[in-house]
Amino acid sequence: MRHLTPALALGALHRGKQIEQFLGEVDHEGHRGLRWIAISPGRTGVTIYLSDVEDAGTDTFYDISEFPPLDPDDETWGKEIATVSTPEEAFNRACSEPSVNPDRWVNQGIICDEYRDFRIARRNEEDARCDLCGRALDDRHSHGVSDASSIAREGRRMEYVVVGLRGALAHYQALGNSSKTYKTVAADLAGQLGVGVSNLVGRHYTCWVVPAEYGVILSDFRLL
């Protein structure tokens, strides 16, 4: 059983164990991120932390506790909401926060599984469109050898522009299409382009885009 009943959650706190809850997406000044909450027993009491972080996960990296803060001015590990004297006070105080469900707490570390399931559900629900053909990326969408389009078989070169930096991530858009913003690790993109991270914003570059079973593969980055 992944989720703790209130009684089990309180039991964990009384044993000095941290409990956590994933709260989904949050928006900060037009930037989409993630929110999670933790109750952490300590020597001075039981502290409640609320964290708004960048959605920096990938299909192989789910550790939301390692994601950079959504607001660069925030501390790395969340905002302290309150420190109280007993687990019962902390539990009740935390459950009064918006979106917190008293039956959805998990043991420390299991929040990564919660985020992984969220990613899968979001990917299934989004009506994303292929950058190459414009069709919806649903179960019927594919680019295989049976597709007569040379673009589908071989890919094509696309131009992008870096529009901003948020924490460890670079935000970029396809040239001429500001309706969709992508994210990538800034240091990785800077290495591909041969520039410093601080010089990324405003840079135009091209790369070769090839459709894959899930999304696209980017290669051969060239700075313009």
Protein backbone atom coordinates (compact mmCIF):
# COMPACT_ATOMS: atom_id res chain seq x y z
CA MET A 1 0.00 0.00 0.00
CA ARG A 2 1.61 3.25 -1.15
CA HIS A 3 -0.61 5.84 0.53
CA LEU A 4 -0.78 6.16 4.30
CA THR A 5 -3.97 6.39 6.25
CA PRO A 6 -4.00 9.34 8.68
CA ALA A 7 -3.25 6.90 11.52
CA LEU A 8 -0.24 5.44 9.69
CA ALA A 9 0.98 8.92 8.73
CA LEU A 10 0.87 10.02 12.37
CA GLY A 11 2.61 6.82 13.39
CA ALA A 12 5.45 7.56 11.00
CA LEU A 13 5.81 11.09 12.38
CA HIS A 14 5.90 9.80 15.96
CA ARG A 15 8.76 7.49 14.92
CA GLY A 16 10.67 10.51 13.61
CA LYS A 17 10.05 9.72 9.94
CA GLN A 18 9.29 12.36 7.30
CA ILE A 19 6.11 12.06 5.23
CA GLU A 20 5.42 13.77 1.90
CA GLN A 21 2.66 14.49 -0.59
CA PHE A 22 2.76 15.40 -4.28
CA LEU A 23 0.34 18.23 -5.08
CA GLY A 24 0.58 18.47 -8.85
CA GLU A 25 1.26 21.42 -11.10
CA VAL A 26 1.57 25.06 -10.07
CA ASP A 27 2.07 28.29 -12.01
CA HIS A 28 4.54 31.01 -11.02
CA GLU A 29 4.56 34.18 -13.14
CA GLY A 30 3.62 32.23 -16.23
CA HIS A 31 6.08 29.39 -15.60
CA ARG A 32 4.66 25.93 -14.96
CA GLY A 33 6.18 23.91 -12.15
CA LEU A 34 5.38 21.32 -9.50
CA ARG A 35 4.35 21.56 -5.85
CA TRP A 36 4.92 19.12 -3.02
CA ILE A 37 4.68 19.27 0.75
CA ALA A 38 6.59 17.52 3.54
CA ILE A 39 6.19 17.11 7.29
CA SER A 40 9.55 16.58 8.94
CA PRO A 41 10.10 15.82 12.66
CA GLY A 42 13.21 17.34 14.23
CA ARG A 43 14.80 18.31 17.52
CA THR A 44 12.98 21.64 17.74
CA GLY A 45 9.58 20.37 16.70
CA VAL A 46 7.74 19.15 13.61
CA THR A 47 8.23 21.37 10.56
CA ILE A 48 6.05 21.70 7.46
CA TYR A 49 7.81 22.54 4.18
CA LEU A 50 6.07 23.56 0.95
CA SER A 51 8.17 23.35 -2.22
CA ASP A 52 7.47 24.82 -5.68
CA VAL A 53 10.03 23.42 -8.11
CA GLU A 54 10.86 23.29 -11.81
CA ASP A 55 9.49 20.29 -13.67
CA ALA A 56 12.99 19.02 -14.39
CA GLY A 57 12.16 15.32 -14.58
CA THR A 58 12.85 12.97 -17.44
CA ASP A 59 11.73 9.45 -18.27
CA THR A 60 14.58 8.14 -16.10
CA PHE A 61 14.90 10.84 -13.41
CA TYR A 62 12.00 11.33 -11.00
CA ASP A 63 13.61 12.64 -7.82
CA ILE A 64 11.45 15.73 -7.32
CA SER A 65 13.36 16.59 -4.12
CA GLU A 66 16.39 17.36 -6.33
CA PHE A 67 14.56 19.70 -8.72
CA PRO A 68 15.58 23.41 -8.61
CA PRO A 69 13.15 25.92 -7.08
CA LEU A 70 10.59 27.47 -9.43
CA ASP A 71 11.38 30.90 -8.02
CA PRO A 72 15.16 31.44 -8.20
CA ASP A 73 14.95 33.58 -5.04
CA ASP A 74 13.58 30.67 -3.00
CA GLU A 75 15.69 28.42 -0.84
CA THR A 76 16.74 25.15 -2.44
CA TRP A 77 14.60 23.00 -0.16
CA GLY A 78 11.17 24.61 0.14
CA LYS A 79 9.52 27.25 2.28
CA GLU A 80 9.01 26.62 5.97
CA ILE A 81 5.27 26.95 6.60
CA ALA A 82 5.29 26.28 10.31
CA THR A 83 7.06 24.44 13.12
CA VAL A 84 4.80 23.02 15.81
CA SER A 85 5.33 20.86 18.88
CA THR A 86 3.42 17.66 18.02
CA PRO A 87 2.83 15.46 14.98
CA GLU A 88 -0.91 15.91 15.38
CA GLU A 89 -0.62 19.69 15.14
CA ALA A 90 1.66 19.42 12.12
CA PHE A 91 -0.59 16.94 10.35
CA ASN A 92 -3.70 19.06 10.86
CA ARG A 93 -1.90 22.25 9.85
CA ALA A 94 -0.49 20.66 6.69
CA CYS A 95 -3.86 19.19 5.73
CA SER A 96 -5.36 22.70 5.83
CA GLU A 97 -3.15 23.73 2.89
CA PRO A 98 -4.90 23.87 -0.53
CA SER A 99 -4.98 20.56 -2.44
CA VAL A 100 -3.60 18.51 0.47
CA ASN A 101 -5.49 15.24 0.96
CA PRO A 102 -5.20 13.59 4.40
CA ASP A 103 -5.35 10.16 2.74
CA ARG A 104 -2.59 10.78 0.13
CA TRP A 105 0.53 11.02 2.30
CA VAL A 106 3.47 8.73 1.49
CA ASN A 107 6.69 7.77 3.22
CA GLN A 108 9.84 9.74 2.39
CA GLY A 109 11.11 9.01 -1.12
CA ILE A 110 7.88 7.48 -2.42
CA ILE A 111 6.91 10.90 -3.76
CA CYS A 112 9.20 10.09 -6.70
CA ASP A 113 6.80 7.31 -7.68
CA GLU A 114 3.90 9.74 -7.37
CA TYR A 115 5.64 12.13 -9.76
CA ARG A 116 6.43 9.30 -12.19
CA ASP A 117 2.75 8.31 -12.31
CA PHE A 118 1.83 11.97 -12.82
CA ARG A 119 4.19 12.18 -15.82
CA ILE A 120 2.68 9.08 -17.38
CA ALA A 121 -0.88 10.33 -16.88
CA ARG A 122 -0.04 13.78 -18.24
CA ARG A 123 1.62 12.33 -21.32
CA ASN A 124 -1.45 10.19 -21.97
CA GLU A 125 -3.81 13.14 -21.58
CA GLU A 126 -1.99 15.82 -23.52
CA ASP A 127 -2.96 16.33 -27.13
CA ALA A 128 0.58 17.18 -28.18
CA ARG A 129 1.40 17.67 -31.84
CA CYS A 130 4.37 16.43 -33.81
CA ASP A 131 6.81 19.18 -34.73
CA LEU A 132 7.35 17.53 -38.09
CA CYS A 133 3.87 16.68 -39.37
CA GLY A 134 1.54 18.66 -37.08
CA ARG A 135 -0.64 15.66 -36.28
CA ALA A 136 -1.76 14.74 -32.76
CA LEU A 137 0.62 12.42 -30.95
CA ASP A 138 -1.98 9.76 -30.14
CA ASP A 139 -2.01 5.99 -30.57
CA ARG A 140 -2.58 6.38 -34.30
CA HIS A 141 0.40 8.66 -34.83
CA SER A 142 3.56 7.11 -36.23
CA HIS A 143 6.44 7.85 -38.56
CA GLY A 144 7.63 4.55 -39.94
CA VAL A 145 9.14 3.14 -43.08
CA SER A 146 5.66 2.77 -44.55
CA ASP A 147 5.19 6.56 -44.43
CA ALA A 148 5.81 7.98 -47.88
CA SER A 149 6.99 11.32 -46.55
CA SER A 150 10.74 11.87 -46.82
CA ILE A 151 10.48 14.08 -43.74
CA ALA A 152 9.05 11.18 -41.75
CA ARG A 153 11.77 8.78 -42.96
CA GLU A 154 14.78 11.03 -42.58
CA GLY A 155 13.80 13.93 -40.33
CA ARG A 156 14.66 17.53 -41.03
CA ARG A 157 16.70 20.45 -39.71
CA MET A 158 14.79 22.83 -37.45
CA GLU A 159 15.72 26.22 -36.05
CA TYR A 160 15.22 27.14 -32.40
CA VAL A 161 15.87 30.14 -30.17
CA VAL A 162 16.67 30.10 -26.45
CA VAL A 163 14.13 32.34 -24.74
CA GLY A 164 15.15 32.08 -21.09
CA LEU A 165 16.91 30.33 -18.24
CA ARG A 166 15.10 29.01 -15.16
CA GLY A 167 17.38 27.43 -12.60
CA ALA A 168 19.27 24.61 -14.30
CA LEU A 169 16.95 24.57 -17.30
CA ALA A 170 17.03 26.40 -20.64
CA HIS A 171 13.69 27.27 -22.25
CA TYR A 172 13.59 27.31 -26.04
CA GLN A 173 11.05 27.65 -28.85
CA ALA A 174 10.89 26.68 -32.50
CA LEU A 175 11.47 29.73 -34.67
CA GLY A 176 8.16 31.29 -35.62
CA ASN A 177 6.16 29.29 -33.06
CA SER A 178 6.02 30.96 -29.66
CA SER A 179 2.94 28.99 -28.59
CA LYS A 180 5.00 26.07 -27.28
CA THR A 181 8.07 26.27 -25.05
CA TYR A 182 10.43 23.35 -24.51
CA LYS A 183 12.87 22.71 -21.66
CA THR A 184 16.30 21.11 -21.56
CA VAL A 185 19.26 21.05 -19.20
CA ALA A 186 21.07 24.34 -19.82
CA ALA A 187 24.57 22.93 -19.33
CA ASP A 188 23.91 20.17 -21.87
CA LEU A 189 22.62 22.59 -24.49
CA ALA A 190 25.53 24.98 -23.89
CA GLY A 191 27.95 22.09 -24.39
CA GLN A 192 26.25 21.09 -27.65
CA LEU A 193 26.55 24.67 -28.94
CA GLY A 194 30.01 25.40 -27.57
CA VAL A 195 28.98 28.46 -25.54
CA GLY A 196 28.68 29.30 -21.85
CA VAL A 197 25.39 28.84 -20.06
CA SER A 198 25.24 32.59 -19.34
CA ASN A 199 25.37 33.25 -23.10
CA LEU A 200 22.49 30.97 -24.09
CA VAL A 201 19.55 33.40 -23.96
CA GLY A 202 18.78 34.85 -27.37
CA ARG A 203 20.95 32.34 -29.21
CA HIS A 204 19.58 30.81 -32.40
CA TYR A 205 20.63 27.32 -33.40
CA THR A 206 19.56 24.46 -35.61
CA CYS A 207 19.55 20.73 -35.01
CA TRP A 208 18.47 17.64 -36.87
CA VAL A 209 15.06 16.37 -35.69
CA VAL A 210 14.10 12.75 -36.32
CA PRO A 211 10.76 11.23 -35.21
CA ALA A 212 10.99 8.37 -32.75
CA GLU A 213 8.45 6.07 -31.17
CA TYR A 214 7.98 8.56 -28.34
CA GLY A 215 8.66 12.15 -29.39
CA VAL A 216 11.75 13.07 -31.41
CA ILE A 217 15.55 12.66 -31.36
CA LEU A 218 17.70 15.80 -31.64
CA SER A 219 21.26 15.75 -32.99
CA ASP A 220 23.89 17.72 -34.93
CA PHE A 221 23.47 21.03 -33.09
CA ARG A 222 24.76 24.10 -34.96
CA LEU A 223 24.99 27.62 -33.57
CA LEU A 224 23.79 30.38 -35.91
